[in-house]
């Protein structure tokens, strides 16, 4: 992401409305301070959740700049989940969604992150929030069948299943989501696997048919092409399992049906009366001097 794109995203973020200058000032202070003192900080993510952030954590630092990086999707999670619901965070990275689900809402979470260094940061965030009983963290990848696969290791949030002769790769175990979730009944899935979503869903046929799953937050941004996947087929598979694509407005707590998926995350939902009742009756979240 270019500097201009980053700054534009910061000033246009909904939680920075009315505070654009200070948000930019904070960005530049952070950039300077991490060069002088490159140590992690403990960020008050919400009034119930903490996040350890350090230089080089692209996704996590976006939370620092904006409050919630994926504003609509993260707020959907906060308004939708309840205590002891099961949330599965596939491609958890350092645990932003995991921490929101487990620490703020008190949901149970299965967090899946294949990159060992990133998985270590995920475990740190589990520890600092004392989520040992709430979060089961798995250092594996997901795919269509059990086995082994190679992953990149030095691309931060853009680490992915390796293609061809990419440098700095490592081998990681692969499991099917259906096998990981045997006997479990998740309410929400988040799938962010840098283009490998097709293979994750290929190993999740039973999970998609499980009526307990009401919502899926999935990233469909064209990266599937690197593996020869057509993301329109992912969309159709979800439609075939009675999911429909929506956007979410946290301020109004409104869901809007979309004609197809977006260019980043898309929220797929089924059993709309259930989902609507959840988001309408959720407790408000205080964040960046706003009660939402």
C-alpha atoms as a PDB file:
ATOM      1  CA  UNK A   1       0.000   0.000   0.000  1.00  0.00           C
ATOM      2  CA  UNK A   2       1.444   3.393  -1.018  1.00  0.00           C
ATOM      3  CA  UNK A   3       1.830   6.238   1.460  1.00  0.00           C
ATOM      4  CA  UNK A   4      -0.842   8.263  -0.340  1.00  0.00           C
ATOM      5  CA  UNK A   5      -3.291   5.354  -0.243  1.00  0.00           C
ATOM      6  CA  UNK A   6      -2.599   4.809   3.457  1.00  0.00           C
ATOM      7  CA  UNK A   7      -3.126   8.479   4.328  1.00  0.00           C
ATOM      8  CA  UNK A   8      -6.298   8.624   2.248  1.00  0.00           C
ATOM      9  CA  UNK A   9      -7.687   5.570   4.031  1.00  0.00           C
ATOM     10  CA  UNK A  10      -6.874   7.088   7.427  1.00  0.00           C
ATOM     11  CA  UNK A  11      -8.534  10.473   6.853  1.00  0.00           C
ATOM     12  CA  UNK A  12     -11.600   8.894   5.193  1.00  0.00           C
ATOM     13  CA  UNK A  13     -12.131   6.296   7.898  1.00  0.00           C
ATOM     14  CA  UNK A  14     -15.529   6.682   9.642  1.00  0.00           C
ATOM     15  CA  UNK A  15     -13.975   6.734  13.120  1.00  0.00           C
ATOM     16  CA  UNK A  16     -11.680   9.609  12.118  1.00  0.00           C
ATOM     17  CA  UNK A  17     -14.520  11.835  10.919  1.00  0.00           C
ATOM     18  CA  UNK A  18     -14.117  15.296  12.436  1.00  0.00           C
ATOM     19  CA  UNK A  19     -10.586  14.436  13.514  1.00  0.00           C
ATOM     20  CA  UNK A  20      -8.719  14.166  10.211  1.00  0.00           C
ATOM     21  CA  UNK A  21      -5.789  16.413  11.122  1.00  0.00           C
ATOM     22  CA  UNK A  22      -5.111  14.669  14.431  1.00  0.00           C
ATOM     23  CA  UNK A  23      -5.339  11.266  12.760  1.00  0.00           C
ATOM     24  CA  UNK A  24      -2.627  12.280  10.286  1.00  0.00           C
ATOM     25  CA  UNK A  25      -0.543  13.790  13.069  1.00  0.00           C
ATOM     26  CA  UNK A  26      -0.773  10.530  15.003  1.00  0.00           C
ATOM     27  CA  UNK A  27       0.304   8.567  11.923  1.00  0.00           C
ATOM     28  CA  UNK A  28       3.488  10.593  11.516  1.00  0.00           C
ATOM     29  CA  UNK A  29       4.242  10.492  15.259  1.00  0.00           C
ATOM     30  CA  UNK A  30       3.962   6.695  15.151  1.00  0.00           C
ATOM     31  CA  UNK A  31       6.265   6.478  12.147  1.00  0.00           C
ATOM     32  CA  UNK A  32       8.910   8.598  13.896  1.00  0.00           C
ATOM     33  CA  UNK A  33       8.599   6.941  17.302  1.00  0.00           C
ATOM     34  CA  UNK A  34       8.958   3.399  15.934  1.00  0.00           C
ATOM     35  CA  UNK A  35      12.189   4.382  14.241  1.00  0.00           C
ATOM     36  CA  UNK A  36      13.584   5.831  17.468  1.00  0.00           C
ATOM     37  CA  UNK A  37      12.174   3.224  19.875  1.00  0.00           C
ATOM     38  CA  UNK A  38      11.130   0.135  17.880  1.00  0.00           C
ATOM     39  CA  UNK A  39       9.391  -1.711  20.727  1.00  0.00           C
ATOM     40  CA  UNK A  40       5.846  -3.097  20.831  1.00  0.00           C
ATOM     41  CA  UNK A  41       3.074  -1.134  22.502  1.00  0.00           C
ATOM     42  CA  UNK A  42      -0.121  -2.360  24.143  1.00  0.00           C
ATOM     43  CA  UNK A  43      -3.033  -0.653  22.410  1.00  0.00           C
ATOM     44  CA  UNK A  44      -6.458  -0.269  24.031  1.00  0.00           C
ATOM     45  CA  UNK A  45      -8.368  -1.823  21.147  1.00  0.00           C
ATOM     46  CA  UNK A  46     -11.761  -1.433  22.858  1.00  0.00           C
ATOM     47  CA  UNK A  47     -12.635  -0.891  26.511  1.00  0.00           C
ATOM     48  CA  UNK A  48     -12.513  -4.697  26.916  1.00  0.00           C
ATOM     49  CA  UNK A  49      -9.710  -5.715  24.547  1.00  0.00           C
ATOM     50  CA  UNK A  50      -5.995  -5.041  24.056  1.00  0.00           C
ATOM     51  CA  UNK A  51      -3.767  -5.519  21.029  1.00  0.00           C
ATOM     52  CA  UNK A  52       0.031  -5.685  20.955  1.00  0.00           C
ATOM     53  CA  UNK A  53       1.290  -3.627  18.025  1.00  0.00           C
ATOM     54  CA  UNK A  54       4.773  -3.020  16.689  1.00  0.00           C
ATOM     55  CA  UNK A  55       6.477  -1.620  13.623  1.00  0.00           C
ATOM     56  CA  UNK A  56       5.890  -3.690  10.502  1.00  0.00           C
ATOM     57  CA  UNK A  57       2.459  -5.063  11.495  1.00  0.00           C
ATOM     58  CA  UNK A  58       0.511  -3.605   8.590  1.00  0.00           C
ATOM     59  CA  UNK A  59      -2.956  -4.761   9.575  1.00  0.00           C
ATOM     60  CA  UNK A  60      -2.549  -4.152  13.299  1.00  0.00           C
ATOM     61  CA  UNK A  61      -1.179  -0.626  12.817  1.00  0.00           C
ATOM     62  CA  UNK A  62      -4.226   0.213  10.688  1.00  0.00           C
ATOM     63  CA  UNK A  63      -6.284  -0.497  13.812  1.00  0.00           C
ATOM     64  CA  UNK A  64      -4.036   1.927  15.675  1.00  0.00           C
ATOM     65  CA  UNK A  65      -4.610   4.662  13.090  1.00  0.00           C
ATOM     66  CA  UNK A  66      -8.323   4.088  12.608  1.00  0.00           C
ATOM     67  CA  UNK A  67      -9.747   2.340  15.680  1.00  0.00           C
ATOM     68  CA  UNK A  68     -11.062  -0.589  13.652  1.00  0.00           C
ATOM     69  CA  UNK A  69      -9.295  -1.279  10.370  1.00  0.00           C
ATOM     70  CA  UNK A  70     -12.183  -3.184   8.753  1.00  0.00           C
ATOM     71  CA  UNK A  71     -14.810  -0.852  10.190  1.00  0.00           C
ATOM     72  CA  UNK A  72     -18.006  -2.393   8.798  1.00  0.00           C
ATOM     73  CA  UNK A  73     -16.896  -6.021   9.111  1.00  0.00           C
ATOM     74  CA  UNK A  74     -15.406  -5.710  12.582  1.00  0.00           C
ATOM     75  CA  UNK A  75     -18.481  -3.888  13.828  1.00  0.00           C
ATOM     76  CA  UNK A  76     -20.666  -6.578  12.312  1.00  0.00           C
ATOM     77  CA  UNK A  77     -18.748  -9.089  14.426  1.00  0.00           C
ATOM     78  CA  UNK A  78     -19.126  -6.933  17.557  1.00  0.00           C
ATOM     79  CA  UNK A  79     -22.873  -6.466  17.037  1.00  0.00           C
ATOM     80  CA  UNK A  80     -23.596 -10.030  15.871  1.00  0.00           C
ATOM     81  CA  UNK A  81     -21.711 -12.282  18.272  1.00  0.00           C
ATOM     82  CA  UNK A  82     -22.766 -13.058  21.843  1.00  0.00           C
ATOM     83  CA  UNK A  83     -21.009 -14.660  24.789  1.00  0.00           C
ATOM     84  CA  UNK A  84     -20.046 -18.296  24.149  1.00  0.00           C
ATOM     85  CA  UNK A  85     -20.977 -18.247  20.446  1.00  0.00           C
ATOM     86  CA  UNK A  86     -18.342 -20.019  18.347  1.00  0.00           C
ATOM     87  CA  UNK A  87     -16.394 -17.845  15.889  1.00  0.00           C
ATOM     88  CA  UNK A  88     -13.796 -19.354  13.539  1.00  0.00           C
ATOM     89  CA  UNK A  89     -11.068 -16.927  12.445  1.00  0.00           C
ATOM     90  CA  UNK A  90      -9.361 -18.408   9.368  1.00  0.00           C
ATOM     91  CA  UNK A  91      -6.256 -16.434   8.499  1.00  0.00           C
ATOM     92  CA  UNK A  92      -6.181 -14.863  11.945  1.00  0.00           C
ATOM     93  CA  UNK A  93      -2.871 -13.036  11.461  1.00  0.00           C
ATOM     94  CA  UNK A  94      -1.930 -11.422  14.828  1.00  0.00           C
ATOM     95  CA  UNK A  95      -5.501 -11.786  16.080  1.00  0.00           C
ATOM     96  CA  UNK A  96      -7.417  -8.542  15.554  1.00  0.00           C
ATOM     97  CA  UNK A  97     -10.733 -10.313  14.865  1.00  0.00           C
ATOM     98  CA  UNK A  98      -9.952 -13.025  17.405  1.00  0.00           C
ATOM     99  CA  UNK A  99      -9.385 -10.477  20.173  1.00  0.00           C
ATOM    100  CA  UNK A 100     -12.566  -8.567  19.332  1.00  0.00           C
ATOM    101  CA  UNK A 101     -14.597 -11.757  19.390  1.00  0.00           C
ATOM    102  CA  UNK A 102     -13.090 -13.343  22.492  1.00  0.00           C
ATOM    103  CA  UNK A 103     -12.064 -10.378  24.654  1.00  0.00           C
ATOM    104  CA  UNK A 104     -14.801  -7.875  23.885  1.00  0.00           C
ATOM    105  CA  UNK A 105     -17.782 -10.142  23.230  1.00  0.00           C
ATOM    106  CA  UNK A 106     -16.606 -13.210  25.229  1.00  0.00           C
ATOM    107  CA  UNK A 107     -17.304 -15.548  22.312  1.00  0.00           C
ATOM    108  CA  UNK A 108     -15.379 -18.788  21.921  1.00  0.00           C
ATOM    109  CA  UNK A 109     -12.871 -18.630  19.054  1.00  0.00           C
ATOM    110  CA  UNK A 110     -10.910 -21.084  16.950  1.00  0.00           C
ATOM    111  CA  UNK A 111      -8.084 -19.021  15.429  1.00  0.00           C
ATOM    112  CA  UNK A 112      -6.151 -20.516  12.512  1.00  0.00           C
ATOM    113  CA  UNK A 113      -2.838 -18.975  11.414  1.00  0.00           C
ATOM    114  CA  UNK A 114      -0.198 -20.918   9.449  1.00  0.00           C
ATOM    115  CA  UNK A 115       2.845 -18.585   9.620  1.00  0.00           C
ATOM    116  CA  UNK A 116       4.900 -19.398  12.770  1.00  0.00           C
ATOM    117  CA  UNK A 117       6.164 -15.845  13.445  1.00  0.00           C
ATOM    118  CA  UNK A 118       2.668 -14.418  13.011  1.00  0.00           C
ATOM    119  CA  UNK A 119       1.218 -17.236  15.100  1.00  0.00           C
ATOM    120  CA  UNK A 120       3.603 -16.223  17.918  1.00  0.00           C
ATOM    121  CA  UNK A 121       2.144 -12.687  17.837  1.00  0.00           C
ATOM    122  CA  UNK A 122      -1.354 -14.182  17.890  1.00  0.00           C
ATOM    123  CA  UNK A 123      -0.434 -16.138  21.013  1.00  0.00           C
ATOM    124  CA  UNK A 124       0.899 -12.954  22.639  1.00  0.00           C
ATOM    125  CA  UNK A 125      -2.444 -11.247  22.080  1.00  0.00           C
ATOM    126  CA  UNK A 126      -4.237 -14.251  23.522  1.00  0.00           C
ATOM    127  CA  UNK A 127      -2.023 -14.087  26.617  1.00  0.00           C
ATOM    128  CA  UNK A 128      -2.275 -10.342  27.230  1.00  0.00           C
ATOM    129  CA  UNK A 129      -6.068 -10.564  27.091  1.00  0.00           C
ATOM    130  CA  UNK A 130      -6.054 -13.734  29.246  1.00  0.00           C
ATOM    131  CA  UNK A 131      -8.071 -15.651  26.670  1.00  0.00           C
ATOM    132  CA  UNK A 132      -6.656 -19.106  27.381  1.00  0.00           C
ATOM    133  CA  UNK A 133     -10.110 -20.595  27.961  1.00  0.00           C
ATOM    134  CA  UNK A 134     -11.782 -18.687  25.139  1.00  0.00           C
ATOM    135  CA  UNK A 135      -9.405 -19.181  22.203  1.00  0.00           C
ATOM    136  CA  UNK A 136      -8.049 -22.347  20.618  1.00  0.00           C
ATOM    137  CA  UNK A 137      -5.179 -21.324  18.324  1.00  0.00           C
ATOM    138  CA  UNK A 138      -4.014 -23.671  15.560  1.00  0.00           C
ATOM    139  CA  UNK A 139      -0.736 -23.202  13.667  1.00  0.00           C
ATOM    140  CA  UNK A 140      -1.942 -24.898  10.479  1.00  0.00           C
ATOM    141  CA  UNK A 141      -3.260 -24.087   7.008  1.00  0.00           C
ATOM    142  CA  UNK A 142      -6.638 -25.146   5.624  1.00  0.00           C
ATOM    143  CA  UNK A 143      -7.295 -26.775   2.275  1.00  0.00           C
ATOM    144  CA  UNK A 144      -9.303 -29.367   0.384  1.00  0.00           C
ATOM    145  CA  UNK A 145      -7.458 -32.322   1.915  1.00  0.00           C
ATOM    146  CA  UNK A 146      -5.002 -33.094   4.689  1.00  0.00           C
ATOM    147  CA  UNK A 147      -1.306 -32.923   3.829  1.00  0.00           C
ATOM    148  CA  UNK A 148       1.492 -30.372   3.550  1.00  0.00           C
ATOM    149  CA  UNK A 149       1.825 -27.106   1.678  1.00  0.00           C
ATOM    150  CA  UNK A 150       4.404 -24.337   1.257  1.00  0.00           C
ATOM    151  CA  UNK A 151       3.771 -20.817   2.506  1.00  0.00           C
ATOM    152  CA  UNK A 152       5.609 -17.502   2.150  1.00  0.00           C
ATOM    153  CA  UNK A 153       6.985 -16.158   5.421  1.00  0.00           C
ATOM    154  CA  UNK A 154       8.110 -12.525   5.072  1.00  0.00           C
ATOM    155  CA  UNK A 155       5.145 -10.677   3.567  1.00  0.00           C
ATOM    156  CA  UNK A 156       3.279  -9.760   6.774  1.00  0.00           C
ATOM    157  CA  UNK A 157      -0.481  -9.671   6.091  1.00  0.00           C
ATOM    158  CA  UNK A 158       0.143 -10.777   2.493  1.00  0.00           C
ATOM    159  CA  UNK A 159       1.768 -14.134   3.280  1.00  0.00           C
ATOM    160  CA  UNK A 160       0.122 -16.787   1.132  1.00  0.00           C
ATOM    161  CA  UNK A 161       0.319 -20.292  -0.232  1.00  0.00           C
ATOM    162  CA  UNK A 162       3.496 -20.235  -2.316  1.00  0.00           C
ATOM    163  CA  UNK A 163       3.352 -20.390  -6.089  1.00  0.00           C
ATOM    164  CA  UNK A 164       6.240 -21.626  -8.226  1.00  0.00           C
ATOM    165  CA  UNK A 165       9.694 -20.742  -6.926  1.00  0.00           C
ATOM    166  CA  UNK A 166       8.829 -17.960  -4.475  1.00  0.00           C
ATOM    167  CA  UNK A 167      11.560 -17.162  -1.952  1.00  0.00           C
ATOM    168  CA  UNK A 168      11.443 -17.468   1.847  1.00  0.00           C
ATOM    169  CA  UNK A 169       8.931 -20.275   2.087  1.00  0.00           C
ATOM    170  CA  UNK A 170       8.275 -22.962   4.684  1.00  0.00           C
ATOM    171  CA  UNK A 171       6.245 -26.151   4.903  1.00  0.00           C
ATOM    172  CA  UNK A 172       3.083 -26.234   7.001  1.00  0.00           C
ATOM    173  CA  UNK A 173       0.500 -28.900   7.784  1.00  0.00           C
ATOM    174  CA  UNK A 174      -2.890 -28.668   6.062  1.00  0.00           C
ATOM    175  CA  UNK A 175      -6.225 -29.831   7.443  1.00  0.00           C
ATOM    176  CA  UNK A 176      -9.791 -29.675   6.174  1.00  0.00           C
ATOM    177  CA  UNK A 177     -12.072 -27.226   7.980  1.00  0.00           C
ATOM    178  CA  UNK A 178     -14.713 -29.967   8.242  1.00  0.00           C
ATOM    179  CA  UNK A 179     -12.244 -32.085  10.229  1.00  0.00           C
ATOM    180  CA  UNK A 180     -11.178 -29.209  12.473  1.00  0.00           C
ATOM    181  CA  UNK A 181     -14.839 -28.493  13.284  1.00  0.00           C
ATOM    182  CA  UNK A 182     -16.063 -32.064  13.777  1.00  0.00           C
ATOM    183  CA  UNK A 183     -18.772 -31.905  16.446  1.00  0.00           C
ATOM    184  CA  UNK A 184     -18.581 -28.105  16.701  1.00  0.00           C
ATOM    185  CA  UNK A 185     -21.212 -25.570  15.664  1.00  0.00           C
ATOM    186  CA  UNK A 186     -19.820 -22.190  14.634  1.00  0.00           C
ATOM    187  CA  UNK A 187     -22.049 -19.159  14.144  1.00  0.00           C
ATOM    188  CA  UNK A 188     -19.577 -16.987  12.242  1.00  0.00           C
ATOM    189  CA  UNK A 189     -16.622 -17.703   9.952  1.00  0.00           C
ATOM    190  CA  UNK A 190     -14.032 -15.173   8.806  1.00  0.00           C
ATOM    191  CA  UNK A 191     -11.934 -16.345   5.835  1.00  0.00           C
ATOM    192  CA  UNK A 192      -8.962 -14.213   4.774  1.00  0.00           C
ATOM    193  CA  UNK A 193      -6.409 -16.449   3.087  1.00  0.00           C
ATOM    194  CA  UNK A 194      -4.959 -14.322   0.284  1.00  0.00           C
ATOM    195  CA  UNK A 195      -6.620 -16.019  -2.658  1.00  0.00           C
ATOM    196  CA  UNK A 196      -6.818 -19.577  -1.301  1.00  0.00           C
ATOM    197  CA  UNK A 197     -10.490 -19.243  -0.293  1.00  0.00           C
ATOM    198  CA  UNK A 198     -11.597 -21.754  -2.951  1.00  0.00           C
ATOM    199  CA  UNK A 199      -9.467 -24.520  -1.447  1.00  0.00           C
ATOM    200  CA  UNK A 200     -10.587 -23.682   2.097  1.00  0.00           C
ATOM    201  CA  UNK A 201     -14.223 -24.018   1.017  1.00  0.00           C
ATOM    202  CA  UNK A 202     -13.414 -27.222  -0.890  1.00  0.00           C
ATOM    203  CA  UNK A 203     -12.584 -28.702   2.519  1.00  0.00           C
ATOM    204  CA  UNK A 204     -15.679 -27.215   4.173  1.00  0.00           C
ATOM    205  CA  UNK A 205     -18.687 -28.795   2.439  1.00  0.00           C
ATOM    206  CA  UNK A 206     -20.202 -30.074   5.689  1.00  0.00           C
ATOM    207  CA  UNK A 207     -19.495 -26.784   7.455  1.00  0.00           C
ATOM    208  CA  UNK A 208     -21.356 -24.797   4.781  1.00  0.00           C
ATOM    209  CA  UNK A 209     -24.330 -27.140   5.113  1.00  0.00           C
ATOM    210  CA  UNK A 210     -24.330 -26.800   8.908  1.00  0.00           C
ATOM    211  CA  UNK A 211     -27.354 -24.629   9.747  1.00  0.00           C
ATOM    212  CA  UNK A 212     -25.537 -23.160  12.748  1.00  0.00           C
ATOM    213  CA  UNK A 213     -23.370 -21.064  10.403  1.00  0.00           C
ATOM    214  CA  UNK A 214     -25.312 -17.847   9.845  1.00  0.00           C
ATOM    215  CA  UNK A 215     -22.566 -15.516   8.600  1.00  0.00           C
ATOM    216  CA  UNK A 216     -19.289 -15.636   6.678  1.00  0.00           C
ATOM    217  CA  UNK A 217     -16.924 -12.689   6.283  1.00  0.00           C
ATOM    218  CA  UNK A 218     -14.754 -13.572   3.296  1.00  0.00           C
ATOM    219  CA  UNK A 219     -12.142 -11.700   1.294  1.00  0.00           C
ATOM    220  CA  UNK A 220     -12.701 -11.989  -2.466  1.00  0.00           C
ATOM    221  CA  UNK A 221     -10.392  -9.435  -4.067  1.00  0.00           C
ATOM    222  CA  UNK A 222      -9.087 -11.174  -7.167  1.00  0.00           C
ATOM    223  CA  UNK A 223      -6.095 -12.898  -5.558  1.00  0.00           C
ATOM    224  CA  UNK A 224      -7.572 -16.296  -6.369  1.00  0.00           C
ATOM    225  CA  UNK A 225      -6.273 -15.789  -9.901  1.00  0.00           C
ATOM    226  CA  UNK A 226      -2.744 -16.592  -8.745  1.00  0.00           C
ATOM    227  CA  UNK A 227      -3.946 -20.187  -8.228  1.00  0.00           C
ATOM    228  CA  UNK A 228      -6.217 -20.283 -11.271  1.00  0.00           C
ATOM    229  CA  UNK A 229      -9.394 -19.890  -9.179  1.00  0.00           C
ATOM    230  CA  UNK A 230     -12.517 -18.044 -10.316  1.00  0.00           C
ATOM    231  CA  UNK A 231     -13.979 -16.180  -7.350  1.00  0.00           C
ATOM    232  CA  UNK A 232     -17.352 -16.021  -9.099  1.00  0.00           C
ATOM    233  CA  UNK A 233     -17.538 -19.744  -8.383  1.00  0.00           C
ATOM    234  CA  UNK A 234     -16.953 -19.055  -4.673  1.00  0.00           C
ATOM    235  CA  UNK A 235     -19.843 -16.600  -4.797  1.00  0.00           C
ATOM    236  CA  UNK A 236     -22.056 -19.180  -6.520  1.00  0.00           C
ATOM    237  CA  UNK A 237     -21.121 -21.871  -4.004  1.00  0.00           C
ATOM    238  CA  UNK A 238     -22.205 -19.614  -1.158  1.00  0.00           C
ATOM    239  CA  UNK A 239     -25.454 -18.781  -2.970  1.00  0.00           C
ATOM    240  CA  UNK A 240     -26.055 -22.509  -3.430  1.00  0.00           C
ATOM    241  CA  UNK A 241     -25.766 -22.881   0.353  1.00  0.00           C
ATOM    242  CA  UNK A 242     -28.429 -20.173   0.860  1.00  0.00           C
ATOM    243  CA  UNK A 243     -26.034 -17.336   1.712  1.00  0.00           C
ATOM    244  CA  UNK A 244     -26.493 -13.876   0.196  1.00  0.00           C
ATOM    245  CA  UNK A 245     -23.939 -11.007   0.067  1.00  0.00           C
ATOM    246  CA  UNK A 246     -24.574  -7.965   2.255  1.00  0.00           C
ATOM    247  CA  UNK A 247     -22.920  -4.777   3.428  1.00  0.00           C
ATOM    248  CA  UNK A 248     -23.355  -3.538   6.983  1.00  0.00           C
ATOM    249  CA  UNK A 249     -23.798   0.015   8.285  1.00  0.00           C
ATOM    250  CA  UNK A 250     -22.822  -0.028  11.987  1.00  0.00           C
ATOM    251  CA  UNK A 251     -24.148   3.468  12.700  1.00  0.00           C
ATOM    252  CA  UNK A 252     -27.652   2.562  11.501  1.00  0.00           C
ATOM    253  CA  UNK A 253     -27.321  -1.167  12.198  1.00  0.00           C
ATOM    254  CA  UNK A 254     -28.627  -1.830   8.726  1.00  0.00           C
ATOM    255  CA  UNK A 255     -27.903  -4.650   6.294  1.00  0.00           C
ATOM    256  CA  UNK A 256     -28.052  -3.986   2.553  1.00  0.00           C
ATOM    257  CA  UNK A 257     -28.338  -6.832   0.053  1.00  0.00           C
ATOM    258  CA  UNK A 258     -25.714  -6.619  -2.730  1.00  0.00           C
ATOM    259  CA  UNK A 259     -25.913  -7.913  -6.311  1.00  0.00           C
ATOM    260  CA  UNK A 260     -22.563  -9.684  -5.926  1.00  0.00           C
ATOM    261  CA  UNK A 261     -19.372  -9.649  -3.832  1.00  0.00           C
ATOM    262  CA  UNK A 262     -17.206  -6.559  -3.313  1.00  0.00           C
ATOM    263  CA  UNK A 263     -13.511  -6.021  -4.010  1.00  0.00           C
ATOM    264  CA  UNK A 264     -12.386  -6.640  -0.404  1.00  0.00           C
ATOM    265  CA  UNK A 265     -14.357  -8.355   2.337  1.00  0.00           C
ATOM    266  CA  UNK A 266     -17.963  -9.365   1.757  1.00  0.00           C
ATOM    267  CA  UNK A 267     -20.399 -10.459   4.462  1.00  0.00           C
ATOM    268  CA  UNK A 268     -22.484 -13.465   3.383  1.00  0.00           C
ATOM    269  CA  UNK A 269     -25.592 -14.140   5.474  1.00  0.00           C
ATOM    270  CA  UNK A 270     -28.455 -16.570   5.778  1.00  0.00           C
ATOM    271  CA  UNK A 271     -31.404 -16.659   8.201  1.00  0.00           C
ATOM    272  CA  UNK A 272     -31.751 -12.891   7.941  1.00  0.00           C
ATOM    273  CA  UNK A 273     -34.435 -12.558  10.676  1.00  0.00           C
ATOM    274  CA  UNK A 274     -32.004 -14.156  13.154  1.00  0.00           C
ATOM    275  CA  UNK A 275     -29.090 -11.967  12.055  1.00  0.00           C
ATOM    276  CA  UNK A 276     -31.196  -8.787  12.078  1.00  0.00           C
ATOM    277  CA  UNK A 277     -32.470  -9.472  15.592  1.00  0.00           C
ATOM    278  CA  UNK A 278     -28.895 -10.011  16.789  1.00  0.00           C
ATOM    279  CA  UNK A 279     -27.510  -6.746  15.427  1.00  0.00           C
ATOM    280  CA  UNK A 280     -30.529  -4.670  16.497  1.00  0.00           C
ATOM    281  CA  UNK A 281     -30.343  -5.868  20.110  1.00  0.00           C
ATOM    282  CA  UNK A 282     -26.555  -5.824  20.598  1.00  0.00           C
ATOM    283  CA  UNK A 283     -24.959  -3.642  23.252  1.00  0.00           C
ATOM    284  CA  UNK A 284     -23.390  -0.429  22.005  1.00  0.00           C
ATOM    285  CA  UNK A 285     -19.612  -0.263  21.674  1.00  0.00           C
ATOM    286  CA  UNK A 286     -17.692   2.817  22.831  1.00  0.00           C
ATOM    287  CA  UNK A 287     -14.816   3.528  20.480  1.00  0.00           C
ATOM    288  CA  UNK A 288     -12.948   6.712  19.547  1.00  0.00           C
ATOM    289  CA  UNK A 289     -15.375   8.821  21.620  1.00  0.00           C
ATOM    290  CA  UNK A 290     -18.319   7.362  19.719  1.00  0.00           C
ATOM    291  CA  UNK A 291     -21.013   5.045  21.069  1.00  0.00           C
ATOM    292  CA  UNK A 292     -22.025   2.766  18.200  1.00  0.00           C
END
